[in-house]
Amino acid sequence: MIVVMKPNSTQENIDNIVKTIHSLGLEAHLSKGQEVTLIGIVGDKEKFIQKNPQIMPGVERVITVSESYKLSNKKFHPEPTVVDVRGVKIGGDNFVIMAGPCAVESKEQLLESALAAKAGGAQILRGGAYKPRTSPYSFQGLEENGLKYMAEVRDITGMPVISEVTSLKAIDAAKEYVDILQIGARNMQNFELLKAAGKSGLPVLLKRGLSATIDEWLNAAEYIMSEGNPNVILCERGIRTYETSTRNTLDISAVPVLRAKSHLPIIVDPSHATGVRDYVAPLCKAAAAVGADGLMVEVHPNPACALSDGPQSLNPEDFKTVCDELRPFITLAGRKFE
């Protein structure tokens, strides 16, 4: 439920509504625009309806929200959310590229990847320290040592860092080293992990599940936000379909659909969506053209020798070419890419 306040409502009017909401054991979330203030209510809305809110001073109208997700809902928060990570702003009119290797293999490999990513135009370094793999015999990542390398390379390059977490133990470790936690597709509905990420105090990038609907995805974001963490970034990385030409099927339509439903920033990952490096560049351009807030791209100094996802990784030269070719698309979409 949303309480829409009149443009001339006073702070006292707003405070009285919030006080009433809290007295009923409900949560109140304020969204203040230049003229109108919205008060979102989370909880049993029937308790508030019994108070006849339409006649309360300063109230213009009350809107019932049918969707089960509230905090991630655009109706609750009409203005786009901008997540600030060490001065890099994700969302709004900004375009951000996160790039780096699928897996951290060594400090030297990570540093080389980071320098290549930064030279190409990336603002944030990605790298996997915990690697959930289909086969238990595949490389599983360097775990906390990988996180330490991420922090060390951040100090050298100045790039904020993002890494995936796969367990509560991994979150506890990652909090000490990284700037953004990533929840991967396999864990999108690992609700205990989502709640722990919400309590971490760090921004969270939430990837869409393998076969998740958009509403399921937004409800997963709600788990993070309900723990008091508003800094959630959504990442479309392809969904599982009957098509076998690509690793997954990139749902490019998810970007405008999310834009209509949610205020959260939207990132597209064409590397995991396709699994084929030749398809990454055109889908980067498509993501920029359709209005995404940024990209996550895998970059490796020597993809042929990568321990994870080499076939979809770009080498430094190809990554720079992609970024250069992207700039006109980003400009046409009205975004800033610095």
C-alpha atoms as a PDB file:
ATOM      1  CA  MET A   1       0.000   0.000   0.000  1.00  0.00           C
ATOM      2  CA  ILE A   2       1.145   3.538  -0.773  1.00  0.00           C
ATOM      3  CA  VAL A   3      -0.024   6.746   0.872  1.00  0.00           C
ATOM      4  CA  VAL A   4       0.268   9.684  -1.517  1.00  0.00           C
ATOM      5  CA  MET A   5       0.597  12.953   0.379  1.00  0.00           C
ATOM      6  CA  LYS A   6      -0.755  16.251  -0.922  1.00  0.00           C
ATOM      7  CA  PRO A   7       1.817  18.632  -2.427  1.00  0.00           C
ATOM      8  CA  ASN A   8       1.143  21.112   0.394  1.00  0.00           C
ATOM      9  CA  SER A   9       1.260  18.550   3.207  1.00  0.00           C
ATOM     10  CA  THR A  10       3.419  19.546   6.157  1.00  0.00           C
ATOM     11  CA  GLN A  11       6.211  17.618   7.804  1.00  0.00           C
ATOM     12  CA  GLU A  12       3.902  17.211  10.781  1.00  0.00           C
ATOM     13  CA  ASN A  13       1.300  15.548   8.514  1.00  0.00           C
ATOM     14  CA  ILE A  14       3.936  13.145   7.202  1.00  0.00           C
ATOM     15  CA  ASP A  15       5.298  12.373  10.673  1.00  0.00           C
ATOM     16  CA  ASN A  16       1.788  11.621  11.954  1.00  0.00           C
ATOM     17  CA  ILE A  17       1.181   9.098   9.167  1.00  0.00           C
ATOM     18  CA  VAL A  18       4.533   7.410   9.828  1.00  0.00           C
ATOM     19  CA  LYS A  19       3.818   7.325  13.568  1.00  0.00           C
ATOM     20  CA  THR A  20       0.435   5.701  12.943  1.00  0.00           C
ATOM     21  CA  ILE A  21       1.988   3.089  10.661  1.00  0.00           C
ATOM     22  CA  HIS A  22       4.648   2.198  13.212  1.00  0.00           C
ATOM     23  CA  SER A  23       2.080   2.030  16.034  1.00  0.00           C
ATOM     24  CA  LEU A  24       0.317  -0.744  14.086  1.00  0.00           C
ATOM     25  CA  GLY A  25       3.500  -2.801  13.865  1.00  0.00           C
ATOM     26  CA  LEU A  26       3.972  -1.988  10.165  1.00  0.00           C
ATOM     27  CA  GLU A  27       6.979  -0.603   8.283  1.00  0.00           C
ATOM     28  CA  ALA A  28       6.969   2.815   6.611  1.00  0.00           C
ATOM     29  CA  HIS A  29       9.252   3.729   3.703  1.00  0.00           C
ATOM     30  CA  LEU A  30       9.425   7.354   2.550  1.00  0.00           C
ATOM     31  CA  SER A  31      10.109   8.485  -0.980  1.00  0.00           C
ATOM     32  CA  LYS A  32      10.308  12.269  -1.247  1.00  0.00           C
ATOM     33  CA  GLY A  33      10.024  13.950  -4.625  1.00  0.00           C
ATOM     34  CA  GLN A  34      10.263  17.642  -5.383  1.00  0.00           C
ATOM     35  CA  GLU A  35       6.536  18.119  -4.785  1.00  0.00           C
ATOM     36  CA  VAL A  36       4.992  14.877  -3.583  1.00  0.00           C
ATOM     37  CA  THR A  37       5.920  12.497  -0.781  1.00  0.00           C
ATOM     38  CA  LEU A  38       5.010   8.812  -0.990  1.00  0.00           C
ATOM     39  CA  ILE A  39       4.831   6.610   2.093  1.00  0.00           C
ATOM     40  CA  GLY A  40       5.054   2.910   1.364  1.00  0.00           C
ATOM     41  CA  ILE A  41       3.577   0.491   3.884  1.00  0.00           C
ATOM     42  CA  VAL A  42       4.885  -3.033   4.328  1.00  0.00           C
ATOM     43  CA  GLY A  43       2.856  -5.454   6.416  1.00  0.00           C
ATOM     44  CA  ASP A  44      -0.820  -6.204   7.030  1.00  0.00           C
ATOM     45  CA  LYS A  45      -2.395  -3.286   5.175  1.00  0.00           C
ATOM     46  CA  GLU A  46      -5.856  -4.040   6.595  1.00  0.00           C
ATOM     47  CA  LYS A  47      -4.731  -2.667   9.953  1.00  0.00           C
ATOM     48  CA  PHE A  48      -3.995   0.686   8.357  1.00  0.00           C
ATOM     49  CA  ILE A  49      -7.158   0.737   6.229  1.00  0.00           C
ATOM     50  CA  GLN A  50      -9.219   0.491   9.432  1.00  0.00           C
ATOM     51  CA  LYS A  51      -7.787   3.873  10.452  1.00  0.00           C
ATOM     52  CA  ASN A  52      -9.538   5.554   7.469  1.00  0.00           C
ATOM     53  CA  PRO A  53      -6.316   7.061   6.057  1.00  0.00           C
ATOM     54  CA  GLN A  54      -8.193   8.992   3.339  1.00  0.00           C
ATOM     55  CA  ILE A  55      -9.419  11.473   5.954  1.00  0.00           C
ATOM     56  CA  MET A  56      -6.071  11.944   7.684  1.00  0.00           C
ATOM     57  CA  PRO A  57      -4.586  15.465   7.330  1.00  0.00           C
ATOM     58  CA  GLY A  58      -2.306  15.839   4.310  1.00  0.00           C
ATOM     59  CA  VAL A  59      -3.359  12.597   2.577  1.00  0.00           C
ATOM     60  CA  GLU A  60      -4.336  12.892  -1.082  1.00  0.00           C
ATOM     61  CA  ARG A  61      -5.081   9.242  -1.825  1.00  0.00           C
ATOM     62  CA  VAL A  62      -4.202   5.664  -0.940  1.00  0.00           C
ATOM     63  CA  ILE A  63      -3.022   3.163  -3.574  1.00  0.00           C
ATOM     64  CA  THR A  64      -3.155  -0.589  -3.083  1.00  0.00           C
ATOM     65  CA  VAL A  65      -0.142  -2.424  -4.494  1.00  0.00           C
ATOM     66  CA  SER A  66      -1.103  -5.836  -5.858  1.00  0.00           C
ATOM     67  CA  GLU A  67       2.457  -7.104  -6.420  1.00  0.00           C
ATOM     68  CA  SER A  68       3.998  -9.112  -3.596  1.00  0.00           C
ATOM     69  CA  TYR A  69       7.273  -7.192  -3.889  1.00  0.00           C
ATOM     70  CA  LYS A  70       7.086  -3.731  -2.347  1.00  0.00           C
ATOM     71  CA  LEU A  71      10.506  -2.200  -1.671  1.00  0.00           C
ATOM     72  CA  SER A  72      11.795  -3.026  -5.158  1.00  0.00           C
ATOM     73  CA  ASN A  73       8.558  -1.782  -6.715  1.00  0.00           C
ATOM     74  CA  LYS A  74       8.606   1.403  -8.789  1.00  0.00           C
ATOM     75  CA  LYS A  75       5.263   2.398  -7.283  1.00  0.00           C
ATOM     76  CA  PHE A  76       6.968   2.673  -3.889  1.00  0.00           C
ATOM     77  CA  HIS A  77       9.989   4.514  -5.242  1.00  0.00           C
ATOM     78  CA  PRO A  78       9.323   6.353  -8.545  1.00  0.00           C
ATOM     79  CA  GLU A  79      12.816   7.823  -8.840  1.00  0.00           C
ATOM     80  CA  PRO A  80      15.600   5.530 -10.138  1.00  0.00           C
ATOM     81  CA  THR A  81      17.908   4.175  -7.468  1.00  0.00           C
ATOM     82  CA  VAL A  82      21.582   5.057  -7.910  1.00  0.00           C
ATOM     83  CA  VAL A  83      24.076   2.816  -6.114  1.00  0.00           C
ATOM     84  CA  ASP A  84      27.325   4.607  -5.266  1.00  0.00           C
ATOM     85  CA  VAL A  85      30.341   2.296  -4.976  1.00  0.00           C
ATOM     86  CA  ARG A  86      33.500   4.204  -4.050  1.00  0.00           C
ATOM     87  CA  GLY A  87      32.391   7.072  -6.289  1.00  0.00           C
ATOM     88  CA  VAL A  88      31.269   4.882  -9.208  1.00  0.00           C
ATOM     89  CA  LYS A  89      27.550   5.490  -9.649  1.00  0.00           C
ATOM     90  CA  ILE A  90      25.406   2.635 -10.962  1.00  0.00           C
ATOM     91  CA  GLY A  91      22.000   3.739 -12.222  1.00  0.00           C
ATOM     92  CA  GLY A  92      20.456   7.078 -13.145  1.00  0.00           C
ATOM     93  CA  ASP A  93      21.965   8.396 -16.354  1.00  0.00           C
ATOM     94  CA  ASN A  94      25.267   6.553 -15.864  1.00  0.00           C
ATOM     95  CA  PHE A  95      26.563   3.562 -17.830  1.00  0.00           C
ATOM     96  CA  VAL A  96      28.932   1.270 -15.947  1.00  0.00           C
ATOM     97  CA  ILE A  97      30.992  -1.680 -17.126  1.00  0.00           C
ATOM     98  CA  MET A  98      32.142  -4.397 -14.728  1.00  0.00           C
ATOM     99  CA  ALA A  99      34.870  -6.513 -16.291  1.00  0.00           C
ATOM    100  CA  GLY A 100      37.478  -9.081 -15.347  1.00  0.00           C
ATOM    101  CA  PRO A 101      38.081 -12.829 -15.256  1.00  0.00           C
ATOM    102  CA  CYS A 102      35.412 -15.384 -14.444  1.00  0.00           C
ATOM    103  CA  ALA A 103      37.759 -16.851 -11.840  1.00  0.00           C
ATOM    104  CA  VAL A 104      40.686 -15.399  -9.911  1.00  0.00           C
ATOM    105  CA  GLU A 105      43.585 -17.735 -10.692  1.00  0.00           C
ATOM    106  CA  SER A 106      46.510 -15.783  -9.231  1.00  0.00           C
ATOM    107  CA  LYS A 107      47.336 -12.239  -8.203  1.00  0.00           C
ATOM    108  CA  GLU A 108      49.362 -11.762 -11.401  1.00  0.00           C
ATOM    109  CA  GLN A 109      46.514 -12.954 -13.631  1.00  0.00           C
ATOM    110  CA  LEU A 110      44.013 -10.777 -11.778  1.00  0.00           C
ATOM    111  CA  LEU A 111      46.212  -7.681 -11.982  1.00  0.00           C
ATOM    112  CA  GLU A 112      46.809  -8.172 -15.691  1.00  0.00           C
ATOM    113  CA  SER A 113      43.073  -8.600 -16.226  1.00  0.00           C
ATOM    114  CA  ALA A 114      42.300  -5.522 -14.153  1.00  0.00           C
ATOM    115  CA  LEU A 115      44.736  -3.294 -16.013  1.00  0.00           C
ATOM    116  CA  ALA A 116      43.292  -4.504 -19.332  1.00  0.00           C
ATOM    117  CA  ALA A 117      39.741  -3.930 -18.122  1.00  0.00           C
ATOM    118  CA  LYS A 118      40.535  -0.435 -16.881  1.00  0.00           C
ATOM    119  CA  ALA A 119      42.409   0.479 -20.079  1.00  0.00           C
ATOM    120  CA  GLY A 120      39.408  -0.642 -22.115  1.00  0.00           C
ATOM    121  CA  GLY A 121      36.945   1.454 -20.146  1.00  0.00           C
ATOM    122  CA  ALA A 122      35.681  -0.673 -17.262  1.00  0.00           C
ATOM    123  CA  GLN A 123      35.098   1.108 -13.950  1.00  0.00           C
ATOM    124  CA  ILE A 124      34.591  -1.953 -11.723  1.00  0.00           C
ATOM    125  CA  LEU A 125      36.671  -5.150 -11.503  1.00  0.00           C
ATOM    126  CA  ARG A 126      34.852  -8.478 -11.383  1.00  0.00           C
ATOM    127  CA  GLY A 127      36.466 -11.744 -10.352  1.00  0.00           C
ATOM    128  CA  GLY A 128      35.286 -15.020  -8.900  1.00  0.00           C
ATOM    129  CA  ALA A 129      36.836 -16.354  -5.703  1.00  0.00           C
ATOM    130  CA  TYR A 130      34.081 -18.900  -5.006  1.00  0.00           C
ATOM    131  CA  LYS A 131      33.025 -20.767  -8.131  1.00  0.00           C
ATOM    132  CA  PRO A 132      29.845 -22.876  -8.056  1.00  0.00           C
ATOM    133  CA  ARG A 133      30.472 -25.304 -10.925  1.00  0.00           C
ATOM    134  CA  THR A 134      28.259 -27.926 -12.521  1.00  0.00           C
ATOM    135  CA  SER A 135      30.954 -30.570 -12.014  1.00  0.00           C
ATOM    136  CA  PRO A 136      32.569 -31.061  -8.584  1.00  0.00           C
ATOM    137  CA  TYR A 137      35.837 -31.769 -10.399  1.00  0.00           C
ATOM    138  CA  SER A 138      36.006 -28.334 -12.052  1.00  0.00           C
ATOM    139  CA  PHE A 139      38.071 -25.487 -10.585  1.00  0.00           C
ATOM    140  CA  GLN A 140      36.197 -24.199  -7.530  1.00  0.00           C
ATOM    141  CA  GLY A 141      38.109 -20.961  -6.978  1.00  0.00           C
ATOM    142  CA  LEU A 142      40.782 -19.722  -4.574  1.00  0.00           C
ATOM    143  CA  GLU A 143      38.181 -18.713  -1.969  1.00  0.00           C
ATOM    144  CA  GLU A 144      39.537 -16.287   0.650  1.00  0.00           C
ATOM    145  CA  ASN A 145      42.945 -16.053  -1.012  1.00  0.00           C
ATOM    146  CA  GLY A 146      41.161 -14.920  -4.156  1.00  0.00           C
ATOM    147  CA  LEU A 147      39.317 -12.255  -2.161  1.00  0.00           C
ATOM    148  CA  LYS A 148      42.630 -11.012  -0.750  1.00  0.00           C
ATOM    149  CA  TYR A 149      43.995 -10.664  -4.281  1.00  0.00           C
ATOM    150  CA  MET A 150      40.886  -8.668  -5.222  1.00  0.00           C
ATOM    151  CA  ALA A 151      41.527  -6.208  -2.396  1.00  0.00           C
ATOM    152  CA  GLU A 152      45.222  -5.922  -3.257  1.00  0.00           C
ATOM    153  CA  VAL A 153      44.501  -5.272  -6.935  1.00  0.00           C
ATOM    154  CA  ARG A 154      41.873  -2.690  -5.969  1.00  0.00           C
ATOM    155  CA  ASP A 155      44.550  -0.838  -4.022  1.00  0.00           C
ATOM    156  CA  ILE A 156      46.823  -0.870  -7.083  1.00  0.00           C
ATOM    157  CA  THR A 157      44.251   0.094  -9.737  1.00  0.00           C
ATOM    158  CA  GLY A 158      41.725   2.119  -7.739  1.00  0.00           C
ATOM    159  CA  MET A 159      38.889   0.012  -9.200  1.00  0.00           C
ATOM    160  CA  PRO A 160      36.066  -1.092  -6.867  1.00  0.00           C
ATOM    161  CA  VAL A 161      35.688  -4.878  -6.860  1.00  0.00           C
ATOM    162  CA  ILE A 162      32.782  -7.325  -7.036  1.00  0.00           C
ATOM    163  CA  SER A 163      32.863 -11.051  -6.306  1.00  0.00           C
ATOM    164  CA  GLU A 164      30.310 -13.831  -5.964  1.00  0.00           C
ATOM    165  CA  VAL A 165      29.420 -15.338  -2.596  1.00  0.00           C
ATOM    166  CA  THR A 166      27.946 -18.815  -2.287  1.00  0.00           C
ATOM    167  CA  SER A 167      27.488 -19.349   1.455  1.00  0.00           C
ATOM    168  CA  LEU A 168      27.128 -17.516   4.752  1.00  0.00           C
ATOM    169  CA  LYS A 169      30.805 -18.239   5.426  1.00  0.00           C
ATOM    170  CA  ALA A 170      31.730 -16.681   2.078  1.00  0.00           C
ATOM    171  CA  ILE A 171      29.766 -13.527   2.920  1.00  0.00           C
ATOM    172  CA  ASP A 172      31.598 -13.167   6.229  1.00  0.00           C
ATOM    173  CA  ALA A 173      34.927 -13.427   4.408  1.00  0.00           C
ATOM    174  CA  ALA A 174      33.987 -11.232   1.443  1.00  0.00           C
ATOM    175  CA  LYS A 175      32.813  -8.344   3.641  1.00  0.00           C
ATOM    176  CA  GLU A 176      36.440  -7.759   4.571  1.00  0.00           C
ATOM    177  CA  TYR A 177      37.718  -7.461   1.015  1.00  0.00           C
ATOM    178  CA  VAL A 178      35.158  -6.510  -1.666  1.00  0.00           C
ATOM    179  CA  ASP A 179      32.858  -3.583  -2.426  1.00  0.00           C
ATOM    180  CA  ILE A 180      29.894  -5.424  -3.987  1.00  0.00           C
ATOM    181  CA  LEU A 181      28.576  -8.896  -3.233  1.00  0.00           C
ATOM    182  CA  GLN A 182      27.287 -10.933  -6.165  1.00  0.00           C
ATOM    183  CA  ILE A 183      24.536 -13.508  -5.759  1.00  0.00           C
ATOM    184  CA  GLY A 184      24.745 -15.891  -8.707  1.00  0.00           C
ATOM    185  CA  ALA A 185      21.925 -17.408 -10.732  1.00  0.00           C
ATOM    186  CA  ARG A 186      22.093 -20.720  -8.870  1.00  0.00           C
ATOM    187  CA  ASN A 187      21.510 -18.933  -5.560  1.00  0.00           C
ATOM    188  CA  MET A 188      18.840 -16.419  -6.591  1.00  0.00           C
ATOM    189  CA  GLN A 189      16.298 -18.174  -4.370  1.00  0.00           C
ATOM    190  CA  ASN A 190      18.678 -19.197  -1.595  1.00  0.00           C
ATOM    191  CA  PHE A 191      16.674 -17.112   0.850  1.00  0.00           C
ATOM    192  CA  GLU A 192      19.005 -17.439   3.839  1.00  0.00           C
ATOM    193  CA  LEU A 193      21.885 -16.272   1.651  1.00  0.00           C
ATOM    194  CA  LEU A 194      19.800 -13.341   0.381  1.00  0.00           C
ATOM    195  CA  LYS A 195      18.923 -12.263   3.913  1.00  0.00           C
ATOM    196  CA  ALA A 196      22.548 -12.486   5.009  1.00  0.00           C
ATOM    197  CA  ALA A 197      23.617 -10.419   1.998  1.00  0.00           C
ATOM    198  CA  GLY A 198      21.004  -7.850   2.966  1.00  0.00           C
ATOM    199  CA  LYS A 199      22.487  -7.616   6.445  1.00  0.00           C
ATOM    200  CA  SER A 200      26.060  -7.281   5.146  1.00  0.00           C
ATOM    201  CA  GLY A 201      25.879  -3.519   4.605  1.00  0.00           C
ATOM    202  CA  LEU A 202      27.383  -3.906   1.108  1.00  0.00           C
ATOM    203  CA  PRO A 203      25.673  -3.336  -2.251  1.00  0.00           C
ATOM    204  CA  VAL A 204      24.415  -6.587  -3.767  1.00  0.00           C
ATOM    205  CA  LEU A 205      24.277  -7.568  -7.439  1.00  0.00           C
ATOM    206  CA  LEU A 206      21.530 -10.156  -7.880  1.00  0.00           C
ATOM    207  CA  LYS A 207      21.629 -12.322 -10.986  1.00  0.00           C
ATOM    208  CA  ARG A 208      18.446 -13.748 -12.459  1.00  0.00           C
ATOM    209  CA  GLY A 209      17.908 -17.453 -11.797  1.00  0.00           C
ATOM    210  CA  LEU A 210      18.208 -20.048 -14.541  1.00  0.00           C
ATOM    211  CA  SER A 211      14.447 -20.300 -15.077  1.00  0.00           C
ATOM    212  CA  ALA A 212      13.152 -17.462 -12.917  1.00  0.00           C
ATOM    213  CA  THR A 213      10.301 -15.177 -13.876  1.00  0.00           C
ATOM    214  CA  ILE A 214      10.808 -11.457 -13.467  1.00  0.00           C
ATOM    215  CA  ASP A 215       8.383 -11.355 -10.530  1.00  0.00           C
ATOM    216  CA  GLU A 216      10.321 -14.154  -8.799  1.00  0.00           C
ATOM    217  CA  TRP A 217      13.507 -12.206  -9.397  1.00  0.00           C
ATOM    218  CA  LEU A 218      12.069  -9.030  -7.896  1.00  0.00           C
ATOM    219  CA  ASN A 219      10.796 -10.961  -4.892  1.00  0.00           C
ATOM    220  CA  ALA A 220      14.337 -12.285  -4.400  1.00  0.00           C
ATOM    221  CA  ALA A 221      15.544  -8.665  -4.414  1.00  0.00           C
ATOM    222  CA  GLU A 222      12.856  -7.982  -1.801  1.00  0.00           C
ATOM    223  CA  TYR A 223      14.529 -10.448   0.573  1.00  0.00           C
ATOM    224  CA  ILE A 224      17.728  -8.399   0.430  1.00  0.00           C
ATOM    225  CA  MET A 225      15.978  -5.044   0.736  1.00  0.00           C
ATOM    226  CA  SER A 226      13.718  -6.173   3.582  1.00  0.00           C
ATOM    227  CA  GLU A 227      16.871  -6.520   5.701  1.00  0.00           C
ATOM    228  CA  GLY A 228      17.436  -2.766   5.395  1.00  0.00           C
ATOM    229  CA  ASN A 229      19.703  -2.808   2.334  1.00  0.00           C
ATOM    230  CA  PRO A 230      18.408  -0.553  -0.483  1.00  0.00           C
ATOM    231  CA  ASN A 231      21.519  -0.997  -2.669  1.00  0.00           C
ATOM    232  CA  VAL A 232      20.498  -3.838  -4.954  1.00  0.00           C
ATOM    233  CA  ILE A 233      21.544  -4.152  -8.613  1.00  0.00           C
ATOM    234  CA  LEU A 234      19.711  -6.556 -10.923  1.00  0.00           C
ATOM    235  CA  CYS A 235      21.682  -8.545 -13.505  1.00  0.00           C
ATOM    236  CA  GLU A 236      20.085 -10.258 -16.510  1.00  0.00           C
ATOM    237  CA  ARG A 237      22.373 -13.148 -17.522  1.00  0.00           C
ATOM    238  CA  GLY A 238      20.155 -15.260 -19.733  1.00  0.00           C
ATOM    239  CA  ILE A 239      17.570 -17.902 -18.928  1.00  0.00           C
ATOM    240  CA  ARG A 240      17.322 -21.586 -19.796  1.00  0.00           C
ATOM    241  CA  THR A 241      15.239 -22.374 -22.887  1.00  0.00           C
ATOM    242  CA  TYR A 242      15.092 -25.155 -25.483  1.00  0.00           C
ATOM    243  CA  GLU A 243      17.686 -23.329 -27.657  1.00  0.00           C
ATOM    244  CA  THR A 244      21.163 -24.888 -27.652  1.00  0.00           C
ATOM    245  CA  SER A 245      23.021 -22.473 -29.961  1.00  0.00           C
ATOM    246  CA  THR A 246      23.972 -20.391 -26.951  1.00  0.00           C
ATOM    247  CA  ARG A 247      24.685 -21.288 -23.350  1.00  0.00           C
ATOM    248  CA  ASN A 248      21.502 -19.489 -22.249  1.00  0.00           C
ATOM    249  CA  THR A 249      18.976 -17.235 -23.956  1.00  0.00           C
ATOM    250  CA  LEU A 250      19.534 -13.553 -23.179  1.00  0.00           C
ATOM    251  CA  ASP A 251      16.165 -11.986 -22.344  1.00  0.00           C
ATOM    252  CA  ILE A 252      16.871  -8.489 -23.624  1.00  0.00           C
ATOM    253  CA  SER A 253      13.188  -7.618 -23.123  1.00  0.00           C
ATOM    254  CA  ALA A 254      13.749  -7.980 -19.374  1.00  0.00           C
ATOM    255  CA  VAL A 255      15.412  -4.554 -19.349  1.00  0.00           C
ATOM    256  CA  PRO A 256      12.343  -2.475 -20.375  1.00  0.00           C
ATOM    257  CA  VAL A 257      10.059  -4.751 -18.348  1.00  0.00           C
ATOM    258  CA  LEU A 258      12.147  -4.182 -15.228  1.00  0.00           C
ATOM    259  CA  ARG A 259      12.312  -0.477 -15.994  1.00  0.00           C
ATOM    260  CA  ALA A 260       8.507  -0.388 -15.866  1.00  0.00           C
ATOM    261  CA  LYS A 261       8.267  -2.462 -12.687  1.00  0.00           C
ATOM    262  CA  SER A 262      11.250  -1.455 -10.561  1.00  0.00           C
ATOM    263  CA  HIS A 263      13.502   1.460  -9.655  1.00  0.00           C
ATOM    264  CA  LEU A 264      16.604  -0.712  -9.234  1.00  0.00           C
ATOM    265  CA  PRO A 265      19.614  -0.461 -11.605  1.00  0.00           C
ATOM    266  CA  ILE A 266      19.807  -3.105 -14.343  1.00  0.00           C
ATOM    267  CA  ILE A 267      23.032  -4.708 -15.587  1.00  0.00           C
ATOM    268  CA  VAL A 268      23.303  -7.181 -18.498  1.00  0.00           C
ATOM    269  CA  ASP A 269      25.820 -10.038 -18.628  1.00  0.00           C
ATOM    270  CA  PRO A 270      26.188 -11.150 -22.274  1.00  0.00           C
ATOM    271  CA  SER A 271      29.174 -13.390 -21.473  1.00  0.00           C
ATOM    272  CA  HIS A 272      27.219 -15.913 -19.399  1.00  0.00           C
ATOM    273  CA  ALA A 273      24.148 -15.461 -21.555  1.00  0.00           C
ATOM    274  CA  THR A 274      25.851 -16.688 -24.724  1.00  0.00           C
ATOM    275  CA  GLY A 275      28.922 -18.648 -23.693  1.00  0.00           C
ATOM    276  CA  VAL A 276      30.458 -17.624 -27.029  1.00  0.00           C
ATOM    277  CA  ARG A 277      32.835 -14.657 -27.271  1.00  0.00           C
ATOM    278  CA  ASP A 278      31.793 -13.798 -30.856  1.00  0.00           C
ATOM    279  CA  TYR A 279      28.281 -13.006 -29.643  1.00  0.00           C
ATOM    280  CA  VAL A 280      29.318 -10.799 -26.727  1.00  0.00           C
ATOM    281  CA  ALA A 281      29.965  -7.563 -28.659  1.00  0.00           C
ATOM    282  CA  PRO A 282      26.590  -7.334 -30.471  1.00  0.00           C
ATOM    283  CA  LEU A 283      24.690  -8.095 -27.281  1.00  0.00           C
ATOM    284  CA  CYS A 284      26.662  -5.431 -25.396  1.00  0.00           C
ATOM    285  CA  LYS A 285      25.399  -2.947 -27.984  1.00  0.00           C
ATOM    286  CA  ALA A 286      21.856  -4.279 -27.724  1.00  0.00           C
ATOM    287  CA  ALA A 287      21.941  -3.902 -23.931  1.00  0.00           C
ATOM    288  CA  ALA A 288      23.087  -0.286 -24.206  1.00  0.00           C
ATOM    289  CA  ALA A 289      20.473   0.486 -26.869  1.00  0.00           C
ATOM    290  CA  VAL A 290      17.593  -1.009 -24.874  1.00  0.00           C
ATOM    291  CA  GLY A 291      18.415   1.092 -21.811  1.00  0.00           C
ATOM    292  CA  ALA A 292      20.496  -1.059 -19.471  1.00  0.00           C
ATOM    293  CA  ASP A 293      22.511   0.739 -16.796  1.00  0.00           C
ATOM    294  CA  GLY A 294      25.631  -1.227 -17.572  1.00  0.00           C
ATOM    295  CA  LEU A 295      27.330  -4.495 -18.450  1.00  0.00           C
ATOM    296  CA  MET A 296      29.255  -7.323 -16.857  1.00  0.00           C
ATOM    297  CA  VAL A 297      31.834  -8.723 -19.283  1.00  0.00           C
ATOM    298  CA  GLU A 298      34.424 -11.442 -18.809  1.00  0.00           C
ATOM    299  CA  VAL A 299      37.984 -10.390 -19.711  1.00  0.00           C
ATOM    300  CA  HIS A 300      41.038 -12.639 -19.430  1.00  0.00           C
ATOM    301  CA  PRO A 301      44.634 -11.986 -20.554  1.00  0.00           C
ATOM    302  CA  ASN A 302      44.767 -15.420 -22.213  1.00  0.00           C
ATOM    303  CA  PRO A 303      41.267 -16.937 -22.629  1.00  0.00           C
ATOM    304  CA  ALA A 304      42.648 -20.172 -24.108  1.00  0.00           C
ATOM    305  CA  CYS A 305      44.319 -20.907 -20.768  1.00  0.00           C
ATOM    306  CA  ALA A 306      41.476 -19.740 -18.492  1.00  0.00           C
ATOM    307  CA  LEU A 307      40.500 -22.150 -15.721  1.00  0.00           C
ATOM    308  CA  SER A 308      36.851 -21.115 -16.079  1.00  0.00           C
ATOM    309  CA  ASP A 309      34.716 -19.900 -19.013  1.00  0.00           C
ATOM    310  CA  GLY A 310      37.531 -19.268 -21.467  1.00  0.00           C
ATOM    311  CA  PRO A 311      35.310 -19.675 -24.566  1.00  0.00           C
ATOM    312  CA  GLN A 312      33.208 -16.654 -23.595  1.00  0.00           C
ATOM    313  CA  SER A 313      36.011 -14.417 -22.308  1.00  0.00           C
ATOM    314  CA  LEU A 314      37.398 -11.506 -24.313  1.00  0.00           C
ATOM    315  CA  ASN A 315      41.111 -10.805 -24.552  1.00  0.00           C
ATOM    316  CA  PRO A 316      42.288  -7.258 -23.720  1.00  0.00           C
ATOM    317  CA  GLU A 317      42.353  -6.074 -27.345  1.00  0.00           C
ATOM    318  CA  ASP A 318      38.868  -7.340 -28.126  1.00  0.00           C
ATOM    319  CA  PHE A 319      37.489  -5.841 -24.923  1.00  0.00           C
ATOM    320  CA  LYS A 320      38.870  -2.397 -25.777  1.00  0.00           C
ATOM    321  CA  THR A 321      37.386  -2.652 -29.262  1.00  0.00           C
ATOM    322  CA  VAL A 322      33.979  -3.507 -27.805  1.00  0.00           C
ATOM    323  CA  CYS A 323      34.104  -0.540 -25.411  1.00  0.00           C
ATOM    324  CA  ASP A 324      35.115   1.839 -28.201  1.00  0.00           C
ATOM    325  CA  GLU A 325      32.301   0.591 -30.433  1.00  0.00           C
ATOM    326  CA  LEU A 326      29.839   0.888 -27.552  1.00  0.00           C
ATOM    327  CA  ARG A 327      30.280   4.607 -26.992  1.00  0.00           C
ATOM    328  CA  PRO A 328      27.898   5.809 -29.762  1.00  0.00           C
ATOM    329  CA  PHE A 329      25.188   3.444 -28.480  1.00  0.00           C
ATOM    330  CA  ILE A 330      25.636   4.707 -24.925  1.00  0.00           C
ATOM    331  CA  THR A 331      25.471   8.328 -26.088  1.00  0.00           C
ATOM    332  CA  LEU A 332      22.330   7.688 -28.156  1.00  0.00           C
ATOM    333  CA  ALA A 333      20.715   6.133 -25.092  1.00  0.00           C
ATOM    334  CA  GLY A 334      21.385   9.393 -23.195  1.00  0.00           C
ATOM    335  CA  ARG A 335      23.902   7.875 -20.789  1.00  0.00           C
ATOM    336  CA  LYS A 336      27.260   8.989 -19.463  1.00  0.00           C
ATOM    337  CA  PHE A 337      30.221   6.625 -19.823  1.00  0.00           C
ATOM    338  CA  GLU A 338      33.372   7.858 -18.172  1.00  0.00           C
END
